[in-house]
C-alpha cells in the first residue's frame, strides 16, 4: 500500500527576513529622495562621498529585492515540482494496478485455454503500458 500523507508546502523565508528586506527597500527609496533633495545643488567632494555611500547601500537594496522576488519564483518552481510528482505517483499506481490484474489473470484456473490465456495476458499488459 502506498503512503498518501500530504506534506505541507514550504513556508518560504521567515517573516523577519521579509520584513527586513522590505525595510531596506523603503530606506533605499528614502535615501534616494533625500540625496536628490540635499545633494543635487552641491558639487565636488561632498557629492562624491555621498555617492560612494549611496552605491554601497544600493548593494543591500538589490539583495533585499532579490530576497523578495526570489521567494515568488521559487514558490512557482515548487508548485510545478509537486504537480509533476503527483502525476508520476498516479501513473505509478495505474501501472501497479495493471500489473496486479495481469498477475491475477495468469493464475486464473484456465489450463485448457493455454495459448489463448497467454495472449489475453499479453493484451492486458499492452493496454496497461
Foldseek 3Di string as FASTA:
>chain_A
DDDDDDDDDDPADDPVLLVVLVVLLVVLVVLVVVCCVPVVPPDDDVNVVSVVVNVVSVVSNVVSVCSVVVRVVVSVVVVVVVVVVVVVVVLVVLLVVLVVVLVVLVPPPPVVCVVVSVVVSVVSNVVSD
